[in-house]
Amino acid sequence: MPNLFTNEIKSQMENNIKCLTQACDAVGFEYEFIDLDQNFVRVKMDQGWQYFELNKTPFNSEVAFCVCKDKSHTYQLLKNIVRVPKTLDFLDFNVATKYSEYKHCNSVAAALVRIDEELEYPIVVKRNKGALGDNVFLCQDALETEAALKAIFNHQSKSYDYLALAQQFVATKAEYRLLCAYGEPVFAYRRGNAASAFNAKYWESGEQAIHVTDEALFKQLADFVAPIHNEFPMGWVGYDIIVDDKNEMYIIELNASPQFNNFIETNSIEPVIELYKKALQALNKA
């Protein structure tokens, strides 16, 4: 029960769970901690218990969660709905024989030819199911692309992925994340405080997340992603959106398990609590 836990204990929780429990307190949902570290929680709702673990939530279907994690499937889903950078996928050239039918190219050389035919350098090469900017490369030519593909397909690496993506590079004037709960945009922030052509790990450069308070900008971001909700409803998603030098917006990826540490470090915790409140109330009515 929430009243059994002190604010001191709450301060030791991961930020996602801290925001969740404060949202529960605000809207009147009972909750119980399951693990000793208090990062595995169940919330009592009208239809029974709902479970939360760190940044994992019950707001999305399993399919929605998996599509958000799979950048190739995200591209295939969205390419005719909103503006997304053109993306090619390549299965590990040394994958087991039983998976060979899924290979679009049988070698690095064949992949480089296809990239030359369909994309222009520079390009972005990244692993399909990566996160936090891991194994993301800006490649200026075929040699750099070959090195990037070999890094992603390195079976000895903890960052190995059996699928690599080659993506149209969009020079970035600004990058944003828009958070939505059951189709309702709740808050957004700018990812980094300096324009950068390529900034996969902005938080490692000392840049900050900047809360979007400009109502016109927030509406532009919300309007841009609105068509997605009609095609593929999600209960909980962070849209990563870049703006190019012509002020055109592009969806880069979807995140069904967003973390908020960087945002909370330099902004109020309240927008995240509000996001959880919206989602909890919508889930309870579902």
C-alpha atoms as a PDB file:
ATOM      1  CA  MET A   1       0.000   0.000   0.000  1.00  0.00           C
ATOM      2  CA  PRO A   2       1.331   3.471  -0.807  1.00  0.00           C
ATOM      3  CA  ASN A   3       1.016   4.859   2.702  1.00  0.00           C
ATOM      4  CA  LEU A   4       3.506   2.284   4.014  1.00  0.00           C
ATOM      5  CA  PHE A   5       6.431   3.767   2.081  1.00  0.00           C
ATOM      6  CA  THR A   6       8.267   6.910   3.000  1.00  0.00           C
ATOM      7  CA  ASN A   7       9.450   9.623   0.672  1.00  0.00           C
ATOM      8  CA  GLU A   8      12.993   8.557   1.532  1.00  0.00           C
ATOM      9  CA  ILE A   9      12.328   5.088   0.149  1.00  0.00           C
ATOM     10  CA  LYS A  10      10.656   6.524  -2.927  1.00  0.00           C
ATOM     11  CA  SER A  11      13.740   8.596  -3.650  1.00  0.00           C
ATOM     12  CA  GLN A  12      15.695   5.351  -4.114  1.00  0.00           C
ATOM     13  CA  MET A  13      13.387   4.047  -6.849  1.00  0.00           C
ATOM     14  CA  GLU A  14      14.096   4.276 -10.547  1.00  0.00           C
ATOM     15  CA  ASN A  15      12.527   7.409 -11.993  1.00  0.00           C
ATOM     16  CA  ASN A  16       9.868   5.540 -13.976  1.00  0.00           C
ATOM     17  CA  ILE A  17       8.560   3.807 -10.862  1.00  0.00           C
ATOM     18  CA  LYS A  18       8.836   6.966  -8.792  1.00  0.00           C
ATOM     19  CA  CYS A  19       6.645   8.788 -11.309  1.00  0.00           C
ATOM     20  CA  LEU A  20       4.232   5.858 -11.507  1.00  0.00           C
ATOM     21  CA  THR A  21       3.699   5.692  -7.750  1.00  0.00           C
ATOM     22  CA  GLN A  22       3.275   9.447  -7.434  1.00  0.00           C
ATOM     23  CA  ALA A  23       0.699   9.307 -10.244  1.00  0.00           C
ATOM     24  CA  CYS A  24      -1.114   6.509  -8.391  1.00  0.00           C
ATOM     25  CA  ASP A  25      -1.148   8.623  -5.233  1.00  0.00           C
ATOM     26  CA  ALA A  26      -2.581  11.549  -7.193  1.00  0.00           C
ATOM     27  CA  VAL A  27      -5.438   9.624  -8.850  1.00  0.00           C
ATOM     28  CA  GLY A  28      -6.162   7.249  -5.985  1.00  0.00           C
ATOM     29  CA  PHE A  29      -4.931   3.865  -7.219  1.00  0.00           C
ATOM     30  CA  GLU A  30      -3.578   1.455  -4.635  1.00  0.00           C
ATOM     31  CA  TYR A  31      -0.259  -0.240  -5.411  1.00  0.00           C
ATOM     32  CA  GLU A  32       2.064  -2.813  -3.908  1.00  0.00           C
ATOM     33  CA  PHE A  33       5.763  -3.439  -4.375  1.00  0.00           C
ATOM     34  CA  ILE A  34       6.715  -6.967  -5.319  1.00  0.00           C
ATOM     35  CA  ASP A  35      10.518  -6.870  -5.226  1.00  0.00           C
ATOM     36  CA  LEU A  36      12.844  -5.683  -2.471  1.00  0.00           C
ATOM     37  CA  ASP A  37      14.278  -2.914  -4.655  1.00  0.00           C
ATOM     38  CA  GLN A  38      10.772  -1.521  -5.239  1.00  0.00           C
ATOM     39  CA  ASN A  39      11.043  -1.427  -9.013  1.00  0.00           C
ATOM     40  CA  PHE A  40       8.466  -4.148  -9.664  1.00  0.00           C
ATOM     41  CA  VAL A  41       4.997  -2.894  -8.805  1.00  0.00           C
ATOM     42  CA  ARG A  42       1.395  -3.881  -9.228  1.00  0.00           C
ATOM     43  CA  VAL A  43      -1.435  -1.349  -9.349  1.00  0.00           C
ATOM     44  CA  LYS A  44      -4.991  -2.228  -8.319  1.00  0.00           C
ATOM     45  CA  MET A  45      -7.485  -1.159 -10.973  1.00  0.00           C
ATOM     46  CA  ASP A  46     -11.200  -1.773 -11.454  1.00  0.00           C
ATOM     47  CA  GLN A  47     -10.599  -4.945 -13.500  1.00  0.00           C
ATOM     48  CA  GLY A  48      -7.787  -6.268 -11.312  1.00  0.00           C
ATOM     49  CA  TRP A  49      -4.034  -5.843 -10.906  1.00  0.00           C
ATOM     50  CA  GLN A  50      -1.787  -4.338 -13.576  1.00  0.00           C
ATOM     51  CA  TYR A  51       1.971  -4.900 -13.392  1.00  0.00           C
ATOM     52  CA  PHE A  52       4.882  -2.516 -13.968  1.00  0.00           C
ATOM     53  CA  GLU A  53       8.599  -3.332 -13.993  1.00  0.00           C
ATOM     54  CA  LEU A  54      11.134  -0.520 -14.287  1.00  0.00           C
ATOM     55  CA  ASN A  55      10.243   1.150 -17.620  1.00  0.00           C
ATOM     56  CA  LYS A  56       8.004  -1.710 -18.818  1.00  0.00           C
ATOM     57  CA  THR A  57       4.262  -1.072 -18.673  1.00  0.00           C
ATOM     58  CA  PRO A  58       0.942  -2.790 -19.528  1.00  0.00           C
ATOM     59  CA  PHE A  59      -0.232   0.122 -21.680  1.00  0.00           C
ATOM     60  CA  ASN A  60       0.716  -1.441 -25.031  1.00  0.00           C
ATOM     61  CA  SER A  61      -0.157  -4.742 -26.646  1.00  0.00           C
ATOM     62  CA  GLU A  62       2.697  -7.176 -27.129  1.00  0.00           C
ATOM     63  CA  VAL A  63       2.573  -6.506 -30.872  1.00  0.00           C
ATOM     64  CA  ALA A  64       2.842  -2.732 -30.378  1.00  0.00           C
ATOM     65  CA  PHE A  65       5.786  -3.187 -28.016  1.00  0.00           C
ATOM     66  CA  CYS A  66       7.599  -5.436 -30.497  1.00  0.00           C
ATOM     67  CA  VAL A  67       6.943  -3.167 -33.489  1.00  0.00           C
ATOM     68  CA  CYS A  68       8.327  -0.171 -31.599  1.00  0.00           C
ATOM     69  CA  LYS A  69      11.455  -2.167 -30.736  1.00  0.00           C
ATOM     70  CA  ASP A  70      11.908  -3.360 -34.324  1.00  0.00           C
ATOM     71  CA  LYS A  71      13.029  -0.340 -36.382  1.00  0.00           C
ATOM     72  CA  SER A  72      12.627  -2.183 -39.679  1.00  0.00           C
ATOM     73  CA  HIS A  73       9.011  -3.050 -38.940  1.00  0.00           C
ATOM     74  CA  THR A  74       8.444   0.493 -37.704  1.00  0.00           C
ATOM     75  CA  TYR A  75       9.647   1.803 -41.058  1.00  0.00           C
ATOM     76  CA  GLN A  76       7.475  -0.616 -43.026  1.00  0.00           C
ATOM     77  CA  LEU A  77       4.476   0.395 -40.933  1.00  0.00           C
ATOM     78  CA  LEU A  78       4.961   4.154 -41.132  1.00  0.00           C
ATOM     79  CA  LYS A  79       6.510   4.827 -44.541  1.00  0.00           C
ATOM     80  CA  ASN A  80       3.121   5.480 -46.192  1.00  0.00           C
ATOM     81  CA  ILE A  81       1.654   7.336 -43.202  1.00  0.00           C
ATOM     82  CA  VAL A  82       4.201   9.951 -42.133  1.00  0.00           C
ATOM     83  CA  ARG A  83       7.569  11.175 -43.357  1.00  0.00           C
ATOM     84  CA  VAL A  84      10.349   8.749 -42.403  1.00  0.00           C
ATOM     85  CA  PRO A  85      13.891   8.438 -43.769  1.00  0.00           C
ATOM     86  CA  LYS A  86      14.174   5.744 -46.428  1.00  0.00           C
ATOM     87  CA  THR A  87      15.536   2.594 -44.808  1.00  0.00           C
ATOM     88  CA  LEU A  88      17.028  -0.645 -46.155  1.00  0.00           C
ATOM     89  CA  ASP A  89      17.494  -3.746 -44.013  1.00  0.00           C
ATOM     90  CA  PHE A  90      20.168  -6.427 -44.284  1.00  0.00           C
ATOM     91  CA  LEU A  91      20.168  -9.809 -42.597  1.00  0.00           C
ATOM     92  CA  ASP A  92      23.493 -11.049 -41.216  1.00  0.00           C
ATOM     93  CA  PHE A  93      25.311 -12.459 -44.240  1.00  0.00           C
ATOM     94  CA  ASN A  94      26.492 -15.433 -42.128  1.00  0.00           C
ATOM     95  CA  VAL A  95      23.106 -16.309 -40.691  1.00  0.00           C
ATOM     96  CA  ALA A  96      22.180 -20.004 -40.396  1.00  0.00           C
ATOM     97  CA  THR A  97      21.185 -21.636 -43.678  1.00  0.00           C
ATOM     98  CA  LYS A  98      17.579 -22.128 -42.581  1.00  0.00           C
ATOM     99  CA  TYR A  99      17.167 -18.323 -42.510  1.00  0.00           C
ATOM    100  CA  SER A 100      18.761 -17.716 -45.919  1.00  0.00           C
ATOM    101  CA  GLU A 101      15.411 -17.102 -47.593  1.00  0.00           C
ATOM    102  CA  TYR A 102      15.132 -13.872 -45.599  1.00  0.00           C
ATOM    103  CA  LYS A 103      18.385 -12.427 -46.921  1.00  0.00           C
ATOM    104  CA  HIS A 104      18.027  -9.600 -49.438  1.00  0.00           C
ATOM    105  CA  CYS A 105      21.782  -9.637 -50.039  1.00  0.00           C
ATOM    106  CA  ASN A 106      24.237 -12.502 -49.618  1.00  0.00           C
ATOM    107  CA  SER A 107      27.382 -10.485 -48.992  1.00  0.00           C
ATOM    108  CA  VAL A 108      28.758  -7.140 -47.895  1.00  0.00           C
ATOM    109  CA  ALA A 109      29.606  -6.402 -51.519  1.00  0.00           C
ATOM    110  CA  ALA A 110      26.013  -7.004 -52.627  1.00  0.00           C
ATOM    111  CA  ALA A 111      24.733  -4.804 -49.775  1.00  0.00           C
ATOM    112  CA  LEU A 112      27.044  -1.975 -50.788  1.00  0.00           C
ATOM    113  CA  VAL A 113      25.798  -2.172 -54.372  1.00  0.00           C
ATOM    114  CA  ARG A 114      22.182  -1.997 -53.210  1.00  0.00           C
ATOM    115  CA  ILE A 115      22.965   0.978 -50.971  1.00  0.00           C
ATOM    116  CA  ASP A 116      24.644   2.773 -53.882  1.00  0.00           C
ATOM    117  CA  GLU A 117      21.573   2.156 -56.018  1.00  0.00           C
ATOM    118  CA  GLU A 118      18.961   3.306 -53.491  1.00  0.00           C
ATOM    119  CA  LEU A 119      20.604   5.792 -51.120  1.00  0.00           C
ATOM    120  CA  GLU A 120      23.060   8.690 -51.292  1.00  0.00           C
ATOM    121  CA  TYR A 121      26.006   9.188 -48.954  1.00  0.00           C
ATOM    122  CA  PRO A 122      26.280  10.061 -46.171  1.00  0.00           C
ATOM    123  CA  ILE A 123      24.004   7.422 -44.659  1.00  0.00           C
ATOM    124  CA  VAL A 124      23.240   6.185 -41.167  1.00  0.00           C
ATOM    125  CA  VAL A 125      23.925   2.528 -40.411  1.00  0.00           C
ATOM    126  CA  LYS A 126      22.570   1.051 -37.196  1.00  0.00           C
ATOM    127  CA  ARG A 127      21.424  -2.165 -35.616  1.00  0.00           C
ATOM    128  CA  ASN A 128      17.745  -2.909 -35.855  1.00  0.00           C
ATOM    129  CA  LYS A 129      16.915  -3.347 -32.193  1.00  0.00           C
ATOM    130  CA  GLY A 130      19.451  -1.040 -30.614  1.00  0.00           C
ATOM    131  CA  ALA A 131      18.866   1.640 -28.023  1.00  0.00           C
ATOM    132  CA  LEU A 132      20.677   4.589 -26.465  1.00  0.00           C
ATOM    133  CA  GLY A 133      22.663   5.277 -29.619  1.00  0.00           C
ATOM    134  CA  ASP A 134      24.585   1.993 -29.415  1.00  0.00           C
ATOM    135  CA  ASN A 135      26.081   0.807 -32.726  1.00  0.00           C
ATOM    136  CA  VAL A 136      24.823   3.818 -34.697  1.00  0.00           C
ATOM    137  CA  PHE A 137      27.231   5.049 -37.379  1.00  0.00           C
ATOM    138  CA  LEU A 138      27.306   8.002 -39.744  1.00  0.00           C
ATOM    139  CA  CYS A 139      28.989   6.635 -42.878  1.00  0.00           C
ATOM    140  CA  GLN A 140      30.476   8.857 -45.546  1.00  0.00           C
ATOM    141  CA  ASP A 141      31.377   6.150 -48.044  1.00  0.00           C
ATOM    142  CA  ALA A 142      31.380   2.427 -48.802  1.00  0.00           C
ATOM    143  CA  LEU A 143      34.445   1.697 -46.644  1.00  0.00           C
ATOM    144  CA  GLU A 144      32.832   3.190 -43.556  1.00  0.00           C
ATOM    145  CA  THR A 145      29.590   1.375 -44.348  1.00  0.00           C
ATOM    146  CA  GLU A 146      31.395  -1.950 -44.628  1.00  0.00           C
ATOM    147  CA  ALA A 147      33.048  -1.356 -41.247  1.00  0.00           C
ATOM    148  CA  ALA A 148      29.705  -0.461 -39.671  1.00  0.00           C
ATOM    149  CA  LEU A 149      28.017  -3.590 -41.013  1.00  0.00           C
ATOM    150  CA  LYS A 150      30.873  -5.756 -39.743  1.00  0.00           C
ATOM    151  CA  ALA A 151      30.585  -4.161 -36.297  1.00  0.00           C
ATOM    152  CA  ILE A 152      26.838  -4.848 -36.119  1.00  0.00           C
ATOM    153  CA  PHE A 153      27.261  -8.434 -37.366  1.00  0.00           C
ATOM    154  CA  ASN A 154      30.155  -9.194 -34.982  1.00  0.00           C
ATOM    155  CA  HIS A 155      28.998 -12.340 -33.181  1.00  0.00           C
ATOM    156  CA  GLN A 156      31.487 -11.709 -30.378  1.00  0.00           C
ATOM    157  CA  SER A 157      30.006  -8.316 -29.547  1.00  0.00           C
ATOM    158  CA  LYS A 158      27.386  -7.781 -26.848  1.00  0.00           C
ATOM    159  CA  SER A 159      25.803  -5.332 -29.304  1.00  0.00           C
ATOM    160  CA  TYR A 160      25.407  -7.950 -32.041  1.00  0.00           C
ATOM    161  CA  ASP A 161      22.215  -7.775 -34.078  1.00  0.00           C
ATOM    162  CA  TYR A 162      21.244 -10.148 -36.874  1.00  0.00           C
ATOM    163  CA  LEU A 163      19.612  -7.250 -38.765  1.00  0.00           C
ATOM    164  CA  ALA A 164      21.356  -4.036 -39.790  1.00  0.00           C
ATOM    165  CA  LEU A 165      19.718  -0.945 -41.268  1.00  0.00           C
ATOM    166  CA  ALA A 166      21.061   1.539 -43.801  1.00  0.00           C
ATOM    167  CA  GLN A 167      19.080   4.756 -43.616  1.00  0.00           C
ATOM    168  CA  GLN A 168      18.799   8.008 -45.507  1.00  0.00           C
ATOM    169  CA  PHE A 169      20.717  10.667 -43.583  1.00  0.00           C
ATOM    170  CA  VAL A 170      18.718  13.742 -42.649  1.00  0.00           C
ATOM    171  CA  ALA A 171      20.810  16.687 -41.470  1.00  0.00           C
ATOM    172  CA  THR A 172      19.221  17.645 -38.184  1.00  0.00           C
ATOM    173  CA  LYS A 173      18.385  21.155 -37.067  1.00  0.00           C
ATOM    174  CA  ALA A 174      16.563  19.919 -33.978  1.00  0.00           C
ATOM    175  CA  GLU A 175      15.438  16.635 -32.467  1.00  0.00           C
ATOM    176  CA  TYR A 176      12.437  16.109 -30.212  1.00  0.00           C
ATOM    177  CA  ARG A 177      10.698  13.389 -28.283  1.00  0.00           C
ATOM    178  CA  LEU A 178       6.928  13.598 -28.011  1.00  0.00           C
ATOM    179  CA  LEU A 179       5.259  11.472 -25.332  1.00  0.00           C
ATOM    180  CA  CYS A 180       1.713  10.231 -25.865  1.00  0.00           C
ATOM    181  CA  ALA A 181      -0.696   8.301 -23.652  1.00  0.00           C
ATOM    182  CA  TYR A 182      -3.443   6.463 -25.531  1.00  0.00           C
ATOM    183  CA  GLY A 183      -3.182   8.825 -28.477  1.00  0.00           C
ATOM    184  CA  GLU A 184      -3.109  11.993 -26.377  1.00  0.00           C
ATOM    185  CA  PRO A 185       0.105  14.047 -26.618  1.00  0.00           C
ATOM    186  CA  VAL A 186       1.109  14.902 -23.060  1.00  0.00           C
ATOM    187  CA  PHE A 187       4.534  16.524 -23.214  1.00  0.00           C
ATOM    188  CA  ALA A 188       7.596  16.898 -25.404  1.00  0.00           C
ATOM    189  CA  TYR A 189      11.215  17.861 -25.047  1.00  0.00           C
ATOM    190  CA  ARG A 190      14.103  18.779 -27.275  1.00  0.00           C
ATOM    191  CA  ARG A 191      16.833  16.151 -27.246  1.00  0.00           C
ATOM    192  CA  GLY A 192      19.949  18.259 -26.848  1.00  0.00           C
ATOM    193  CA  ASN A 193      20.406  22.004 -26.742  1.00  0.00           C
ATOM    194  CA  ALA A 194      22.584  22.449 -29.833  1.00  0.00           C
ATOM    195  CA  ALA A 195      21.857  21.846 -33.488  1.00  0.00           C
ATOM    196  CA  SER A 196      23.954  18.964 -34.724  1.00  0.00           C
ATOM    197  CA  ALA A 197      24.178  17.179 -38.030  1.00  0.00           C
ATOM    198  CA  PHE A 198      24.549  13.879 -36.183  1.00  0.00           C
ATOM    199  CA  ASN A 199      24.119  13.533 -32.446  1.00  0.00           C
ATOM    200  CA  ALA A 200      23.229   9.949 -31.545  1.00  0.00           C
ATOM    201  CA  LYS A 201      24.209  10.321 -27.873  1.00  0.00           C
ATOM    202  CA  TYR A 202      23.494  13.945 -27.040  1.00  0.00           C
ATOM    203  CA  TRP A 203      23.475  13.285 -23.286  1.00  0.00           C
ATOM    204  CA  GLU A 204      27.127  12.203 -23.399  1.00  0.00           C
ATOM    205  CA  SER A 205      28.100  15.609 -24.789  1.00  0.00           C
ATOM    206  CA  GLY A 206      26.781  17.487 -21.796  1.00  0.00           C
ATOM    207  CA  GLU A 207      23.687  18.591 -23.670  1.00  0.00           C
ATOM    208  CA  GLN A 208      20.362  18.737 -21.874  1.00  0.00           C
ATOM    209  CA  ALA A 209      16.782  17.774 -22.498  1.00  0.00           C
ATOM    210  CA  ILE A 210      14.779  20.982 -22.908  1.00  0.00           C
ATOM    211  CA  HIS A 211      11.072  20.917 -22.075  1.00  0.00           C
ATOM    212  CA  VAL A 212       8.923  22.130 -24.980  1.00  0.00           C
ATOM    213  CA  THR A 213       6.653  24.841 -23.593  1.00  0.00           C
ATOM    214  CA  ASP A 214       5.939  26.623 -26.878  1.00  0.00           C
ATOM    215  CA  GLU A 215       2.311  25.704 -27.612  1.00  0.00           C
ATOM    216  CA  ALA A 216       2.643  26.201 -31.365  1.00  0.00           C
ATOM    217  CA  LEU A 217       5.660  23.900 -31.576  1.00  0.00           C
ATOM    218  CA  PHE A 218       3.971  21.308 -29.375  1.00  0.00           C
ATOM    219  CA  LYS A 219       0.923  21.364 -31.660  1.00  0.00           C
ATOM    220  CA  GLN A 220       3.134  20.934 -34.745  1.00  0.00           C
ATOM    221  CA  LEU A 221       4.730  17.844 -33.211  1.00  0.00           C
ATOM    222  CA  ALA A 222       1.357  16.452 -32.143  1.00  0.00           C
ATOM    223  CA  ASP A 223      -0.251  17.088 -35.524  1.00  0.00           C
ATOM    224  CA  PHE A 224       2.655  15.415 -37.294  1.00  0.00           C
ATOM    225  CA  VAL A 225       2.191  12.090 -35.473  1.00  0.00           C
ATOM    226  CA  ALA A 226      -1.612  12.204 -35.353  1.00  0.00           C
ATOM    227  CA  PRO A 227      -2.110   9.993 -38.464  1.00  0.00           C
ATOM    228  CA  ILE A 228      -0.199   7.182 -36.741  1.00  0.00           C
ATOM    229  CA  HIS A 229      -2.821   6.847 -34.013  1.00  0.00           C
ATOM    230  CA  ASN A 230      -5.528   6.082 -36.564  1.00  0.00           C
ATOM    231  CA  GLU A 231      -3.410   3.396 -38.228  1.00  0.00           C
ATOM    232  CA  PHE A 232      -1.706   1.829 -35.221  1.00  0.00           C
ATOM    233  CA  PRO A 233      -3.095   2.814 -31.799  1.00  0.00           C
ATOM    234  CA  MET A 234      -0.650   2.642 -28.900  1.00  0.00           C
ATOM    235  CA  GLY A 235      -1.181   3.262 -25.228  1.00  0.00           C
ATOM    236  CA  TRP A 236       2.298   4.491 -24.380  1.00  0.00           C
ATOM    237  CA  VAL A 237       4.899   5.752 -26.832  1.00  0.00           C
ATOM    238  CA  GLY A 238       7.700   8.229 -27.266  1.00  0.00           C
ATOM    239  CA  TYR A 239       8.059   9.503 -30.832  1.00  0.00           C
ATOM    240  CA  ASP A 240      11.574  10.545 -31.826  1.00  0.00           C
ATOM    241  CA  ILE A 241      11.170  13.347 -34.355  1.00  0.00           C
ATOM    242  CA  ILE A 242      13.870  15.284 -36.188  1.00  0.00           C
ATOM    243  CA  VAL A 243      13.502  18.593 -38.009  1.00  0.00           C
ATOM    244  CA  ASP A 244      15.753  19.196 -40.997  1.00  0.00           C
ATOM    245  CA  ASP A 245      17.154  22.446 -42.386  1.00  0.00           C
ATOM    246  CA  LYS A 246      13.961  22.927 -44.445  1.00  0.00           C
ATOM    247  CA  ASN A 247      11.806  22.576 -41.318  1.00  0.00           C
ATOM    248  CA  GLU A 248      10.468  19.222 -42.491  1.00  0.00           C
ATOM    249  CA  MET A 249       9.717  16.687 -39.754  1.00  0.00           C
ATOM    250  CA  TYR A 250      10.727  13.025 -39.866  1.00  0.00           C
ATOM    251  CA  ILE A 251       9.946  10.143 -37.528  1.00  0.00           C
ATOM    252  CA  ILE A 252      13.171   8.359 -36.615  1.00  0.00           C
ATOM    253  CA  GLU A 253      11.823   5.710 -34.281  1.00  0.00           C
ATOM    254  CA  LEU A 254       9.202   4.818 -31.699  1.00  0.00           C
ATOM    255  CA  ASN A 255       9.959   3.968 -28.093  1.00  0.00           C
ATOM    256  CA  ALA A 256       7.422   1.893 -26.135  1.00  0.00           C
ATOM    257  CA  SER A 257       9.605   1.839 -22.994  1.00  0.00           C
ATOM    258  CA  PRO A 258      10.902   5.391 -22.667  1.00  0.00           C
ATOM    259  CA  GLN A 259      13.095   6.349 -19.758  1.00  0.00           C
ATOM    260  CA  PHE A 260      13.015   9.872 -18.386  1.00  0.00           C
ATOM    261  CA  ASN A 261      16.265  10.232 -16.465  1.00  0.00           C
ATOM    262  CA  ASN A 262      17.824  12.828 -18.740  1.00  0.00           C
ATOM    263  CA  PHE A 263      14.628  14.872 -18.834  1.00  0.00           C
ATOM    264  CA  ILE A 264      14.086  14.769 -15.064  1.00  0.00           C
ATOM    265  CA  GLU A 265      17.690  15.779 -14.354  1.00  0.00           C
ATOM    266  CA  THR A 266      17.128  19.245 -15.783  1.00  0.00           C
ATOM    267  CA  ASN A 267      13.355  19.653 -15.747  1.00  0.00           C
ATOM    268  CA  SER A 268      10.384  19.128 -13.490  1.00  0.00           C
ATOM    269  CA  ILE A 269       9.231  15.596 -12.719  1.00  0.00           C
ATOM    270  CA  GLU A 270       5.609  16.744 -13.030  1.00  0.00           C
ATOM    271  CA  PRO A 271       5.155  16.230 -16.813  1.00  0.00           C
ATOM    272  CA  VAL A 272       6.183  12.582 -16.432  1.00  0.00           C
ATOM    273  CA  ILE A 273       3.799  12.096 -13.517  1.00  0.00           C
ATOM    274  CA  GLU A 274       1.052  13.657 -15.649  1.00  0.00           C
ATOM    275  CA  LEU A 275       1.872  11.207 -18.456  1.00  0.00           C
ATOM    276  CA  TYR A 276       1.408   8.284 -16.073  1.00  0.00           C
ATOM    277  CA  LYS A 277      -1.823   9.766 -14.711  1.00  0.00           C
ATOM    278  CA  LYS A 278      -3.301  10.021 -18.205  1.00  0.00           C
ATOM    279  CA  ALA A 279      -2.253   6.479 -19.103  1.00  0.00           C
ATOM    280  CA  LEU A 280      -3.437   4.937 -15.817  1.00  0.00           C
ATOM    281  CA  GLN A 281      -6.856   6.545 -16.100  1.00  0.00           C
ATOM    282  CA  ALA A 282      -7.223   5.462 -19.727  1.00  0.00           C
ATOM    283  CA  LEU A 283      -6.122   1.898 -18.926  1.00  0.00           C
ATOM    284  CA  ASN A 284      -8.639   1.706 -16.108  1.00  0.00           C
ATOM    285  CA  LYS A 285     -11.437   2.583 -18.549  1.00  0.00           C
ATOM    286  CA  ALA A 286     -10.306   0.140 -21.218  1.00  0.00           C
END
